[in-house]
Amino acid sequence: MNINFVTIPVTSLDETIKFYQEVLDFKIATRFGAGPQMEIVFMADEKGSQLEFIQSGSKKVQHDGLISIGFNVDDIEATADHLRKHNVNITEGPHTLPSGVKLMHAEDLNGVGLGFVQRP
């Protein structure tokens, strides 16, 4: 068994798509209407991991850090520079643990936590 996708409700599907395309290099896998005032998009990274974003009507969605997505990166400093260039809110780090693992936390435009890990 393996995880295929994670579902995240969002306030603005178009803004979310733009963020994940421009900042995190995800591509649209599929996009469709799922009923009155509901639209869904699946986005995939280069290895096929998927995120499902759902916009339902115009109601505001607040995640307040309750959802977090983790990414492995090759260079935490380059990732931090990339995020800053795109005005992403870096909430912690980057910093290095005694084990040599480097960590950084940020947020997407919906308040979803983004964790970045560089392993030695």
PDB file of N, CA and C in Angstrom:
ATOM      1  N   MET A   1       0.847  -1.170   0.000  1.00  0.00           N
ATOM      2  CA  MET A   1       0.000   0.000   0.000  1.00  0.00           C
ATOM      3  C   MET A   1       0.897   1.239   0.000  1.00  0.00           C
ATOM      4  N   ASN A   2       0.478   2.271  -0.713  1.00  0.00           N
ATOM      5  CA  ASN A   2       1.206   3.533  -0.676  1.00  0.00           C
ATOM      6  C   ASN A   2       0.225   4.693  -0.810  1.00  0.00           C
ATOM      7  N   ILE A   3       0.645   5.844  -0.343  1.00  0.00           N
ATOM      8  CA  ILE A   3      -0.199   7.030  -0.432  1.00  0.00           C
ATOM      9  C   ILE A   3      -0.178   7.522  -1.866  1.00  0.00           C
ATOM     10  N   ASN A   4      -1.352   7.811  -2.406  1.00  0.00           N
ATOM     11  CA  ASN A   4      -1.473   8.280  -3.778  1.00  0.00           C
ATOM     12  C   ASN A   4      -1.588   9.799  -3.840  1.00  0.00           C
ATOM     13  N   PHE A   5      -2.370  10.391  -2.938  1.00  0.00           N
ATOM     14  CA  PHE A   5      -2.531  11.836  -2.920  1.00  0.00           C
ATOM     15  C   PHE A   5      -3.016  12.302  -1.565  1.00  0.00           C
ATOM     16  N   VAL A   6      -2.877  13.606  -1.335  1.00  0.00           N
ATOM     17  CA  VAL A   6      -3.365  14.261  -0.125  1.00  0.00           C
ATOM     18  C   VAL A   6      -4.350  15.327  -0.567  1.00  0.00           C
ATOM     19  N   THR A   7      -5.501  15.446   0.113  1.00  0.00           N
ATOM     20  CA  THR A   7      -6.542  16.407  -0.247  1.00  0.00           C
ATOM     21  C   THR A   7      -6.460  17.630   0.642  1.00  0.00           C
ATOM     22  N   ILE A   8      -6.501  18.813   0.002  1.00  0.00           N
ATOM     23  CA  ILE A   8      -6.401  20.070   0.735  1.00  0.00           C
ATOM     24  C   ILE A   8      -7.479  21.021   0.230  1.00  0.00           C
ATOM     25  N   PRO A   9      -8.401  21.445   1.103  1.00  0.00           N
ATOM     26  CA  PRO A   9      -9.374  22.460   0.692  1.00  0.00           C
ATOM     27  C   PRO A   9      -8.696  23.824   0.601  1.00  0.00           C
ATOM     28  N   VAL A  10      -9.077  24.602  -0.424  1.00  0.00           N
ATOM     29  CA  VAL A  10      -8.466  25.911  -0.642  1.00  0.00           C
ATOM     30  C   VAL A  10      -9.543  26.954  -0.906  1.00  0.00           C
ATOM     31  N   THR A  11      -9.169  28.222  -0.709  1.00  0.00           N
ATOM     32  CA  THR A  11     -10.080  29.331  -0.965  1.00  0.00           C
ATOM     33  C   THR A  11     -10.086  29.709  -2.434  1.00  0.00           C
ATOM     34  N   SER A  12      -8.912  29.775  -3.060  1.00  0.00           N
ATOM     35  CA  SER A  12      -8.801  30.135  -4.474  1.00  0.00           C
ATOM     36  C   SER A  12      -8.004  29.081  -5.218  1.00  0.00           C
ATOM     37  N   LEU A  13      -8.696  28.322  -6.046  1.00  0.00           N
ATOM     38  CA  LEU A  13      -8.042  27.254  -6.788  1.00  0.00           C
ATOM     39  C   LEU A  13      -7.021  27.818  -7.776  1.00  0.00           C
ATOM     40  N   ASP A  14      -7.379  28.870  -8.493  1.00  0.00           N
ATOM     41  CA  ASP A  14      -6.458  29.442  -9.487  1.00  0.00           C
ATOM     42  C   ASP A  14      -5.172  29.962  -8.845  1.00  0.00           C
ATOM     43  N   GLU A  15      -5.281  30.654  -7.721  1.00  0.00           N
ATOM     44  CA  GLU A  15      -4.085  31.159  -7.038  1.00  0.00           C
ATOM     45  C   GLU A  15      -3.239  30.010  -6.497  1.00  0.00           C
ATOM     46  N   THR A  16      -3.894  28.967  -6.011  1.00  0.00           N
ATOM     47  CA  THR A  16      -3.179  27.795  -5.503  1.00  0.00           C
ATOM     48  C   THR A  16      -2.430  27.100  -6.635  1.00  0.00           C
ATOM     49  N   ILE A  17      -3.083  26.928  -7.766  1.00  0.00           N
ATOM     50  CA  ILE A  17      -2.426  26.310  -8.924  1.00  0.00           C
ATOM     51  C   ILE A  17      -1.199  27.119  -9.308  1.00  0.00           C
ATOM     52  N   LYS A  18      -1.338  28.424  -9.407  1.00  0.00           N
ATOM     53  CA  LYS A  18      -0.218  29.289  -9.791  1.00  0.00           C
ATOM     54  C   LYS A  18       0.946  29.133  -8.808  1.00  0.00           C
ATOM     55  N   PHE A  19       0.645  29.143  -7.502  1.00  0.00           N
ATOM     56  CA  PHE A  19       1.681  28.993  -6.481  1.00  0.00           C
ATOM     57  C   PHE A  19       2.430  27.673  -6.654  1.00  0.00           C
ATOM     58  N   TYR A  20       1.697  26.567  -6.735  1.00  0.00           N
ATOM     59  CA  TYR A  20       2.350  25.262  -6.800  1.00  0.00           C
ATOM     60  C   TYR A  20       3.089  25.045  -8.126  1.00  0.00           C
ATOM     61  N   GLN A  21       2.634  25.683  -9.203  1.00  0.00           N
ATOM     62  CA  GLN A  21       3.359  25.607 -10.471  1.00  0.00           C
ATOM     63  C   GLN A  21       4.637  26.437 -10.416  1.00  0.00           C
ATOM     64  N   GLU A  22       4.510  27.696 -10.022  1.00  0.00           N
ATOM     65  CA  GLU A  22       5.636  28.627 -10.087  1.00  0.00           C
ATOM     66  C   GLU A  22       6.668  28.412  -8.982  1.00  0.00           C
ATOM     67  N   VAL A  23       6.202  28.089  -7.785  1.00  0.00           N
ATOM     68  CA  VAL A  23       7.119  27.994  -6.650  1.00  0.00           C
ATOM     69  C   VAL A  23       7.640  26.578  -6.442  1.00  0.00           C
ATOM     70  N   LEU A  24       6.780  25.574  -6.575  1.00  0.00           N
ATOM     71  CA  LEU A  24       7.184  24.209  -6.244  1.00  0.00           C
ATOM     72  C   LEU A  24       7.231  23.273  -7.452  1.00  0.00           C
ATOM     73  N   ASP A  25       7.046  23.808  -8.649  1.00  0.00           N
ATOM     74  CA  ASP A  25       7.206  23.078  -9.905  1.00  0.00           C
ATOM     75  C   ASP A  25       6.262  21.883 -10.056  1.00  0.00           C
ATOM     76  N   PHE A  26       5.054  21.982  -9.503  1.00  0.00           N
ATOM     77  CA  PHE A  26       4.035  20.961  -9.726  1.00  0.00           C
ATOM     78  C   PHE A  26       3.344  21.239 -11.059  1.00  0.00           C
ATOM     79  N   LYS A  27       2.812  20.197 -11.660  1.00  0.00           N
ATOM     80  CA  LYS A  27       2.073  20.302 -12.923  1.00  0.00           C
ATOM     81  C   LYS A  27       0.637  19.831 -12.693  1.00  0.00           C
ATOM     82  N   ILE A  28      -0.289  20.399 -13.449  1.00  0.00           N
ATOM     83  CA  ILE A  28      -1.684  19.952 -13.366  1.00  0.00           C
ATOM     84  C   ILE A  28      -1.782  18.565 -13.990  1.00  0.00           C
ATOM     85  N   ALA A  29      -2.308  17.620 -13.230  1.00  0.00           N
ATOM     86  CA  ALA A  29      -2.555  16.269 -13.737  1.00  0.00           C
ATOM     87  C   ALA A  29      -3.972  16.196 -14.308  1.00  0.00           C
ATOM     88  N   THR A  30      -4.928  16.748 -13.568  1.00  0.00           N
ATOM     89  CA  THR A  30      -6.315  16.797 -14.030  1.00  0.00           C
ATOM     90  C   THR A  30      -7.063  17.881 -13.260  1.00  0.00           C
ATOM     91  N   ARG A  31      -8.053  18.463 -13.920  1.00  0.00           N
ATOM     92  CA  ARG A  31      -8.877  19.500 -13.306  1.00  0.00           C
ATOM     93  C   ARG A  31     -10.305  19.304 -13.790  1.00  0.00           C
ATOM     94  N   PHE A  32     -11.270  19.371 -12.836  1.00  0.00           N
ATOM     95  CA  PHE A  32     -12.651  19.127 -13.228  1.00  0.00           C
ATOM     96  C   PHE A  32     -13.620  19.726 -12.217  1.00  0.00           C
ATOM     97  N   GLY A  33     -14.843  19.968 -12.684  1.00  0.00           N
ATOM     98  CA  GLY A  33     -15.923  20.380 -11.801  1.00  0.00           C
ATOM     99  C   GLY A  33     -16.479  19.145 -11.118  1.00  0.00           C
ATOM    100  N   ALA A  34     -16.855  19.312  -9.852  1.00  0.00           N
ATOM    101  CA  ALA A  34     -17.342  18.159  -9.084  1.00  0.00           C
ATOM    102  C   ALA A  34     -18.705  18.429  -8.470  1.00  0.00           C
ATOM    103  N   GLY A  35     -19.446  19.335  -9.066  1.00  0.00           N
ATOM    104  CA  GLY A  35     -20.763  19.672  -8.550  1.00  0.00           C
ATOM    105  C   GLY A  35     -20.934  21.172  -8.534  1.00  0.00           C
ATOM    106  N   PRO A  36     -22.083  21.626  -8.087  1.00  0.00           N
ATOM    107  CA  PRO A  36     -22.318  23.066  -8.044  1.00  0.00           C
ATOM    108  C   PRO A  36     -21.278  23.768  -7.171  1.00  0.00           C
ATOM    109  N   GLN A  37     -20.594  24.727  -7.726  1.00  0.00           N
ATOM    110  CA  GLN A  37     -19.604  25.546  -7.020  1.00  0.00           C
ATOM    111  C   GLN A  37     -18.453  24.734  -6.428  1.00  0.00           C
ATOM    112  N   MET A  38     -18.155  23.575  -6.992  1.00  0.00           N
ATOM    113  CA  MET A  38     -17.022  22.791  -6.508  1.00  0.00           C
ATOM    114  C   MET A  38     -16.128  22.433  -7.684  1.00  0.00           C
ATOM    115  N   GLU A  39     -14.835  22.705  -7.517  1.00  0.00           N
ATOM    116  CA  GLU A  39     -13.859  22.364  -8.543  1.00  0.00           C
ATOM    117  C   GLU A  39     -12.668  21.692  -7.871  1.00  0.00           C
ATOM    118  N   ILE A  40     -12.097  20.728  -8.569  1.00  0.00           N
ATOM    119  CA  ILE A  40     -10.988  19.938  -8.042  1.00  0.00           C
ATOM    120  C   ILE A  40      -9.851  19.946  -9.049  1.00  0.00           C
ATOM    121  N   VAL A  41      -8.630  20.045  -8.541  1.00  0.00           N
ATOM    122  CA  VAL A  41      -7.454  19.880  -9.388  1.00  0.00           C
ATOM    123  C   VAL A  41      -6.495  18.934  -8.685  1.00  0.00           C
ATOM    124  N   PHE A  42      -5.934  18.009  -9.458  1.00  0.00           N
ATOM    125  CA  PHE A  42      -4.846  17.166  -8.987  1.00  0.00           C
ATOM    126  C   PHE A  42      -3.580  17.714  -9.609  1.00  0.00           C
ATOM    127  N   MET A  43      -2.559  17.927  -8.783  1.00  0.00           N
ATOM    128  CA  MET A  43      -1.271  18.407  -9.253  1.00  0.00           C
ATOM    129  C   MET A  43      -0.208  17.396  -8.840  1.00  0.00           C
ATOM    130  N   ALA A  44       0.771  17.186  -9.721  1.00  0.00           N
ATOM    131  CA  ALA A  44       1.804  16.176  -9.466  1.00  0.00           C
ATOM    132  C   ALA A  44       3.189  16.795  -9.546  1.00  0.00           C
ATOM    133  N   ASP A  45       4.096  16.267  -8.717  1.00  0.00           N
ATOM    134  CA  ASP A  45       5.494  16.685  -8.806  1.00  0.00           C
ATOM    135  C   ASP A  45       6.202  15.800  -9.834  1.00  0.00           C
ATOM    136  N   GLU A  46       7.500  16.008 -10.005  1.00  0.00           N
ATOM    137  CA  GLU A  46       8.252  15.283 -11.032  1.00  0.00           C
ATOM    138  C   GLU A  46       8.318  13.777 -10.800  1.00  0.00           C
ATOM    139  N   LYS A  47       8.086  13.341  -9.553  1.00  0.00           N
ATOM    140  CA  LYS A  47       8.129  11.905  -9.251  1.00  0.00           C
ATOM    141  C   LYS A  47       6.742  11.282  -9.187  1.00  0.00           C
ATOM    142  N   GLY A  48       5.699  12.082  -9.449  1.00  0.00           N
ATOM    143  CA  GLY A  48       4.347  11.547  -9.489  1.00  0.00           C
ATOM    144  C   GLY A  48       3.557  11.680  -8.205  1.00  0.00           C
ATOM    145  N   SER A  49       4.157  12.223  -7.155  1.00  0.00           N
ATOM    146  CA  SER A  49       3.382  12.463  -5.933  1.00  0.00           C
ATOM    147  C   SER A  49       2.321  13.518  -6.236  1.00  0.00           C
ATOM    148  N   GLN A  50       1.111  13.314  -5.726  1.00  0.00           N
ATOM    149  CA  GLN A  50       0.012  14.204  -6.073  1.00  0.00           C
ATOM    150  C   GLN A  50      -0.599  14.893  -4.862  1.00  0.00           C
ATOM    151  N   LEU A  51      -1.062  16.095  -5.124  1.00  0.00           N
ATOM    152  CA  LEU A  51      -1.870  16.848  -4.180  1.00  0.00           C
ATOM    153  C   LEU A  51      -3.204  17.131  -4.850  1.00  0.00           C
ATOM    154  N   GLU A  52      -4.283  16.976  -4.092  1.00  0.00           N
ATOM    155  CA  GLU A  52      -5.621  17.285  -4.599  1.00  0.00           C
ATOM    156  C   GLU A  52      -6.095  18.551  -3.889  1.00  0.00           C
ATOM    157  N   PHE A  53      -6.399  19.569  -4.668  1.00  0.00           N
ATOM    158  CA  PHE A  53      -6.915  20.818  -4.123  1.00  0.00           C
ATOM    159  C   PHE A  53      -8.383  20.946  -4.503  1.00  0.00           C
ATOM    160  N   ILE A  54      -9.214  21.295  -3.510  1.00  0.00           N
ATOM    161  CA  ILE A  54     -10.653  21.419  -3.725  1.00  0.00           C
ATOM    162  C   ILE A  54     -11.096  22.811  -3.323  1.00  0.00           C
ATOM    163  N   GLN A  55     -11.799  23.486  -4.240  1.00  0.00           N
ATOM    164  CA  GLN A  55     -12.440  24.759  -3.918  1.00  0.00           C
ATOM    165  C   GLN A  55     -13.937  24.529  -3.968  1.00  0.00           C
ATOM    166  N   SER A  56     -14.601  24.865  -2.880  1.00  0.00           N
ATOM    167  CA  SER A  56     -16.039  24.670  -2.782  1.00  0.00           C
ATOM    168  C   SER A  56     -16.704  26.010  -2.497  1.00  0.00           C
ATOM    169  N   GLY A  57     -17.300  26.606  -3.519  1.00  0.00           N
ATOM    170  CA  GLY A  57     -17.942  27.899  -3.346  1.00  0.00           C
ATOM    171  C   GLY A  57     -16.924  28.975  -3.048  1.00  0.00           C
ATOM    172  N   SER A  58     -17.373  29.999  -2.350  1.00  0.00           N
ATOM    173  CA  SER A  58     -16.489  31.130  -2.053  1.00  0.00           C
ATOM    174  C   SER A  58     -16.120  31.201  -0.577  1.00  0.00           C
ATOM    175  N   LYS A  59     -16.398  30.128   0.158  1.00  0.00           N
ATOM    176  CA  LYS A  59     -16.097  30.170   1.589  1.00  0.00           C
ATOM    177  C   LYS A  59     -14.594  30.186   1.847  1.00  0.00           C
ATOM    178  N   LYS A  60     -14.180  30.943   2.837  1.00  0.00           N
ATOM    179  CA  LYS A  60     -12.784  31.097   3.224  1.00  0.00           C
ATOM    180  C   LYS A  60     -12.343  29.852   3.984  1.00  0.00           C
ATOM    181  N   VAL A  61     -11.180  29.334   3.630  1.00  0.00           N
ATOM    182  CA  VAL A  61     -10.616  28.160   4.290  1.00  0.00           C
ATOM    183  C   VAL A  61      -9.405  28.597   5.095  1.00  0.00           C
ATOM    184  N   GLN A  62      -9.340  28.209   6.358  1.00  0.00           N
ATOM    185  CA  GLN A  62      -8.196  28.498   7.231  1.00  0.00           C
ATOM    186  C   GLN A  62      -7.613  27.177   7.712  1.00  0.00           C
ATOM    187  N   HIS A  63      -6.342  26.968   7.451  1.00  0.00           N
ATOM    188  CA  HIS A  63      -5.694  25.730   7.879  1.00  0.00           C
ATOM    189  C   HIS A  63      -4.952  25.896   9.203  1.00  0.00           C
ATOM    190  N   ASP A  64      -4.517  27.112   9.490  1.00  0.00           N
ATOM    191  CA  ASP A  64      -3.834  27.411  10.748  1.00  0.00           C
ATOM    192  C   ASP A  64      -2.748  26.395  11.102  1.00  0.00           C
ATOM    193  N   GLY A  65      -1.993  25.983  10.100  1.00  0.00           N
ATOM    194  CA  GLY A  65      -0.876  25.074  10.341  1.00  0.00           C
ATOM    195  C   GLY A  65      -1.274  23.645  10.650  1.00  0.00           C
ATOM    196  N   LEU A  66      -2.551  23.294  10.449  1.00  0.00           N
ATOM    197  CA  LEU A  66      -3.004  21.940  10.758  1.00  0.00           C
ATOM    198  C   LEU A  66      -2.642  20.943   9.675  1.00  0.00           C
ATOM    199  N   ILE A  67      -2.304  21.432   8.487  1.00  0.00           N
ATOM    200  CA  ILE A  67      -1.867  20.581   7.392  1.00  0.00           C
ATOM    201  C   ILE A  67      -0.440  20.962   7.050  1.00  0.00           C
ATOM    202  N   SER A  68       0.401  19.966   6.834  1.00  0.00           N
ATOM    203  CA  SER A  68       1.789  20.222   6.479  1.00  0.00           C
ATOM    204  C   SER A  68       2.217  19.225   5.407  1.00  0.00           C
ATOM    205  N   ILE A  69       2.976  19.724   4.421  1.00  0.00           N
ATOM    206  CA  ILE A  69       3.504  18.882   3.348  1.00  0.00           C
ATOM    207  C   ILE A  69       5.019  18.913   3.459  1.00  0.00           C
ATOM    208  N   GLY A  70       5.670  17.756   3.431  1.00  0.00           N
ATOM    209  CA  GLY A  70       7.117  17.686   3.559  1.00  0.00           C
ATOM    210  C   GLY A  70       7.797  17.400   2.235  1.00  0.00           C
ATOM    211  N   PHE A  71       8.917  18.080   2.004  1.00  0.00           N
ATOM    212  CA  PHE A  71       9.684  17.916   0.769  1.00  0.00           C
ATOM    213  C   PHE A  71      11.139  17.614   1.101  1.00  0.00           C
ATOM    214  N   ASN A  72      11.731  16.659   0.410  1.00  0.00           N
ATOM    215  CA  ASN A  72      13.174  16.442   0.469  1.00  0.00           C
ATOM    216  C   ASN A  72      13.813  17.347  -0.578  1.00  0.00           C
ATOM    217  N   VAL A  73      14.891  18.026  -0.198  1.00  0.00           N
ATOM    218  CA  VAL A  73      15.591  18.912  -1.130  1.00  0.00           C
ATOM    219  C   VAL A  73      17.081  18.594  -1.108  1.00  0.00           C
ATOM    220  N   ASP A  74      17.755  18.937  -2.191  1.00  0.00           N
ATOM    221  CA  ASP A  74      19.196  18.711  -2.284  1.00  0.00           C
ATOM    222  C   ASP A  74      19.989  19.826  -1.635  1.00  0.00           C
ATOM    223  N   ASP A  75      19.449  21.063  -1.656  1.00  0.00           N
ATOM    224  CA  ASP A  75      20.182  22.227  -1.156  1.00  0.00           C
ATOM    225  C   ASP A  75      19.208  23.164  -0.439  1.00  0.00           C
ATOM    226  N   ILE A  76      19.208  23.141   0.875  1.00  0.00           N
ATOM    227  CA  ILE A  76      18.261  23.922   1.666  1.00  0.00           C
ATOM    228  C   ILE A  76      18.449  25.428   1.463  1.00  0.00           C
ATOM    229  N   GLU A  77      19.696  25.877   1.321  1.00  0.00           N
ATOM    230  CA  GLU A  77      19.947  27.310   1.123  1.00  0.00           C
ATOM    231  C   GLU A  77      19.416  27.782  -0.229  1.00  0.00           C
ATOM    232  N   ALA A  78      19.617  26.989  -1.273  1.00  0.00           N
ATOM    233  CA  ALA A  78      19.084  27.335  -2.590  1.00  0.00           C
ATOM    234  C   ALA A  78      17.560  27.338  -2.560  1.00  0.00           C
ATOM    235  N   THR A  79      16.975  26.399  -1.810  1.00  0.00           N
ATOM    236  CA  THR A  79      15.523  26.352  -1.669  1.00  0.00           C
ATOM    237  C   THR A  79      15.025  27.593  -0.938  1.00  0.00           C
ATOM    238  N   ALA A  80      15.717  27.992   0.123  1.00  0.00           N
ATOM    239  CA  ALA A  80      15.344  29.203   0.860  1.00  0.00           C
ATOM    240  C   ALA A  80      15.412  30.425  -0.050  1.00  0.00           C
ATOM    241  N   ASP A  81      16.461  30.541  -0.838  1.00  0.00           N
ATOM    242  CA  ASP A  81      16.586  31.664  -1.777  1.00  0.00           C
ATOM    243  C   ASP A  81      15.442  31.664  -2.779  1.00  0.00           C
ATOM    244  N   HIS A  82      15.092  30.487  -3.287  1.00  0.00           N
ATOM    245  CA  HIS A  82      13.997  30.356  -4.247  1.00  0.00           C
ATOM    246  C   HIS A  82      12.670  30.796  -3.617  1.00  0.00           C
ATOM    247  N   LEU A  83      12.420  30.352  -2.383  1.00  0.00           N
ATOM    248  CA  LEU A  83      11.182  30.734  -1.697  1.00  0.00           C
ATOM    249  C   LEU A  83      11.126  32.244  -1.451  1.00  0.00           C
ATOM    250  N   ARG A  84      12.244  32.809  -1.010  1.00  0.00           N
ATOM    251  CA  ARG A  84      12.293  34.265  -0.778  1.00  0.00           C
ATOM    252  C   ARG A  84      12.026  35.037  -2.065  1.00  0.00           C
ATOM    253  N   LYS A  85      12.586  34.559  -3.167  1.00  0.00           N
ATOM    254  CA  LYS A  85      12.387  35.195  -4.465  1.00  0.00           C
ATOM    255  C   LYS A  85      10.903  35.248  -4.839  1.00  0.00           C
ATOM    256  N   HIS A  86      10.160  34.243  -4.381  1.00  0.00           N
ATOM    257  CA  HIS A  86       8.723  34.168  -4.661  1.00  0.00           C
ATOM    258  C   HIS A  86       7.876  34.702  -3.502  1.00  0.00           C
ATOM    259  N   ASN A  87       8.516  35.398  -2.564  1.00  0.00           N
ATOM    260  CA  ASN A  87       7.823  36.016  -1.418  1.00  0.00           C
ATOM    261  C   ASN A  87       7.035  35.019  -0.579  1.00  0.00           C
ATOM    262  N   VAL A  88       7.572  33.812  -0.450  1.00  0.00           N
ATOM    263  CA  VAL A  88       6.944  32.794   0.395  1.00  0.00           C
ATOM    264  C   VAL A  88       7.341  33.062   1.838  1.00  0.00           C
ATOM    265  N   ASN A  89       6.381  32.937   2.737  1.00  0.00           N
ATOM    266  CA  ASN A  89       6.613  33.158   4.162  1.00  0.00           C
ATOM    267  C   ASN A  89       7.393  31.982   4.759  1.00  0.00           C
ATOM    268  N   ILE A  90       8.686  32.203   5.033  1.00  0.00           N
ATOM    269  CA  ILE A  90       9.502  31.196   5.717  1.00  0.00           C
ATOM    270  C   ILE A  90       9.289  31.417   7.207  1.00  0.00           C
ATOM    271  N   THR A  91       8.755  30.405   7.878  1.00  0.00           N
ATOM    272  CA  THR A  91       8.383  30.546   9.286  1.00  0.00           C
ATOM    273  C   THR A  91       9.473  30.101  10.252  1.00  0.00           C
ATOM    274  N   GLU A  92      10.427  29.295   9.758  1.00  0.00           N
ATOM    275  CA  GLU A  92      11.507  28.819  10.630  1.00  0.00           C
ATOM    276  C   GLU A  92      12.665  28.321   9.778  1.00  0.00           C
ATOM    277  N   GLY A  93      13.877  28.645  10.196  1.00  0.00           N
ATOM    278  CA  GLY A  93      15.080  28.128   9.540  1.00  0.00           C
ATOM    279  C   GLY A  93      15.474  28.952   8.331  1.00  0.00           C
ATOM    280  N   PRO A  94      16.336  28.390   7.523  1.00  0.00           N
ATOM    281  CA  PRO A  94      16.868  27.042   7.683  1.00  0.00           C
ATOM    282  C   PRO A  94      17.870  26.936   8.828  1.00  0.00           C
ATOM    283  N   HIS A  95      17.901  25.770   9.441  1.00  0.00           N
ATOM    284  CA  HIS A  95      18.891  25.504  10.478  1.00  0.00           C
ATOM    285  C   HIS A  95      19.321  24.038  10.392  1.00  0.00           C
ATOM    286  N   THR A  96      20.459  23.764  11.023  1.00  0.00           N
ATOM    287  CA  THR A  96      21.047  22.430  10.962  1.00  0.00           C
ATOM    288  C   THR A  96      20.956  21.756  12.323  1.00  0.00           C
ATOM    289  N   LEU A  97      20.455  20.535  12.342  1.00  0.00           N
ATOM    290  CA  LEU A  97      20.371  19.735  13.565  1.00  0.00           C
ATOM    291  C   LEU A  97      21.733  19.108  13.847  1.00  0.00           C
ATOM    292  N   PRO A  98      21.976  18.673  15.089  1.00  0.00           N
ATOM    293  CA  PRO A  98      23.250  18.014  15.411  1.00  0.00           C
ATOM    294  C   PRO A  98      23.555  16.818  14.501  1.00  0.00           C
ATOM    295  N   SER A  99      22.521  16.184  13.984  1.00  0.00           N
ATOM    296  CA  SER A  99      22.706  15.031  13.091  1.00  0.00           C
ATOM    297  C   SER A  99      23.185  15.430  11.693  1.00  0.00           C
ATOM    298  N   GLY A 100      23.161  16.736  11.397  1.00  0.00           N
ATOM    299  CA  GLY A 100      23.528  17.204  10.071  1.00  0.00           C
ATOM    300  C   GLY A 100      22.333  17.437   9.162  1.00  0.00           C
ATOM    301  N   VAL A 101      21.159  17.001   9.591  1.00  0.00           N
ATOM    302  CA  VAL A 101      19.938  17.245   8.823  1.00  0.00           C
ATOM    303  C   VAL A 101      19.626  18.738   8.875  1.00  0.00           C
ATOM    304  N   LYS A 102      19.273  19.297   7.729  1.00  0.00           N
ATOM    305  CA  LYS A 102      18.907  20.719   7.659  1.00  0.00           C
ATOM    306  C   LYS A 102      17.408  20.829   7.441  1.00  0.00           C
ATOM    307  N   LEU A 103      16.777  21.739   8.200  1.00  0.00           N
ATOM    308  CA  LEU A 103      15.323  21.899   8.165  1.00  0.00           C
ATOM    309  C   LEU A 103      14.935  23.343   7.891  1.00  0.00           C
ATOM    310  N   MET A 104      13.770  23.491   7.247  1.00  0.00           N
ATOM    311  CA  MET A 104      13.186  24.806   7.052  1.00  0.00           C
ATOM    312  C   MET A 104      11.673  24.622   6.939  1.00  0.00           C
ATOM    313  N   HIS A 105      10.934  25.584   7.482  1.00  0.00           N
ATOM    314  CA  HIS A 105       9.477  25.554   7.410  1.00  0.00           C
ATOM    315  C   HIS A 105       8.969  26.841   6.785  1.00  0.00           C
ATOM    316  N   ALA A 106       7.914  26.706   5.989  1.00  0.00           N
ATOM    317  CA  ALA A 106       7.307  27.849   5.317  1.00  0.00           C
ATOM    318  C   ALA A 106       5.797  27.606   5.251  1.00  0.00           C
ATOM    319  N   GLU A 107       5.082  28.538   4.621  1.00  0.00           N
ATOM    320  CA  GLU A 107       3.634  28.395   4.437  1.00  0.00           C
ATOM    321  C   GLU A 107       3.276  28.739   3.005  1.00  0.00           C
ATOM    322  N   ASP A 108       2.288  28.013   2.456  1.00  0.00           N
ATOM    323  CA  ASP A 108       1.766  28.405   1.156  1.00  0.00           C
ATOM    324  C   ASP A 108       0.729  29.507   1.348  1.00  0.00           C
ATOM    325  N   LEU A 109       0.107  29.965   0.280  1.00  0.00           N
ATOM    326  CA  LEU A 109      -0.842  31.068   0.375  1.00  0.00           C
ATOM    327  C   LEU A 109      -2.121  30.701   1.107  1.00  0.00           C
ATOM    328  N   ASN A 110      -2.361  29.421   1.368  1.00  0.00           N
ATOM    329  CA  ASN A 110      -3.543  28.965   2.099  1.00  0.00           C
ATOM    330  C   ASN A 110      -3.254  28.719   3.577  1.00  0.00           C
ATOM    331  N   GLY A 111      -2.007  28.935   3.994  1.00  0.00           N
ATOM    332  CA  GLY A 111      -1.629  28.648   5.373  1.00  0.00           C
ATOM    333  C   GLY A 111      -1.222  27.207   5.595  1.00  0.00           C
ATOM    334  N   VAL A 112      -1.064  26.457   4.513  1.00  0.00           N
ATOM    335  CA  VAL A 112      -0.597  25.064   4.614  1.00  0.00           C
ATOM    336  C   VAL A 112       0.900  25.083   4.895  1.00  0.00           C
ATOM    337  N   GLY A 113       1.324  24.324   5.893  1.00  0.00           N
ATOM    338  CA  GLY A 113       2.736  24.249   6.234  1.00  0.00           C
ATOM    339  C   GLY A 113       3.528  23.514   5.178  1.00  0.00           C
ATOM    340  N   LEU A 114       4.711  24.043   4.874  1.00  0.00           N
ATOM    341  CA  LEU A 114       5.621  23.419   3.930  1.00  0.00           C
ATOM    342  C   LEU A 114       6.925  23.139   4.659  1.00  0.00           C
ATOM    343  N   GLY A 115       7.289  21.883   4.797  1.00  0.00           N
ATOM    344  CA  GLY A 115       8.527  21.521   5.455  1.00  0.00           C
ATOM    345  C   GLY A 115       9.549  21.066   4.424  1.00  0.00           C
ATOM    346  N   PHE A 116      10.791  21.515   4.602  1.00  0.00           N
ATOM    347  CA  PHE A 116      11.870  21.174   3.668  1.00  0.00           C
ATOM    348  C   PHE A 116      12.998  20.516   4.469  1.00  0.00           C
ATOM    349  N   VAL A 117      13.503  19.391   3.971  1.00  0.00           N
ATOM    350  CA  VAL A 117      14.527  18.622   4.659  1.00  0.00           C
ATOM    351  C   VAL A 117      15.676  18.343   3.696  1.00  0.00           C
ATOM    352  N   GLN A 118      16.885  18.646   4.130  1.00  0.00           N
ATOM    353  CA  GLN A 118      18.092  18.248   3.394  1.00  0.00           C
ATOM    354  C   GLN A 118      18.840  17.279   4.288  1.00  0.00           C
ATOM    355  N   ARG A 119      19.025  16.081   3.799  1.00  0.00           N
ATOM    356  CA  ARG A 119      19.732  15.056   4.571  1.00  0.00           C
ATOM    357  C   ARG A 119      21.204  15.040   4.185  1.00  0.00           C
ATOM    358  N   PRO A 120      22.079  14.740   5.175  1.00  0.00           N
ATOM    359  CA  PRO A 120      23.512  14.706   4.861  1.00  0.00           C
ATOM    360  C   PRO A 120      23.887  13.557   3.933  1.00  0.00           C
TER     361      PRO A 120
END
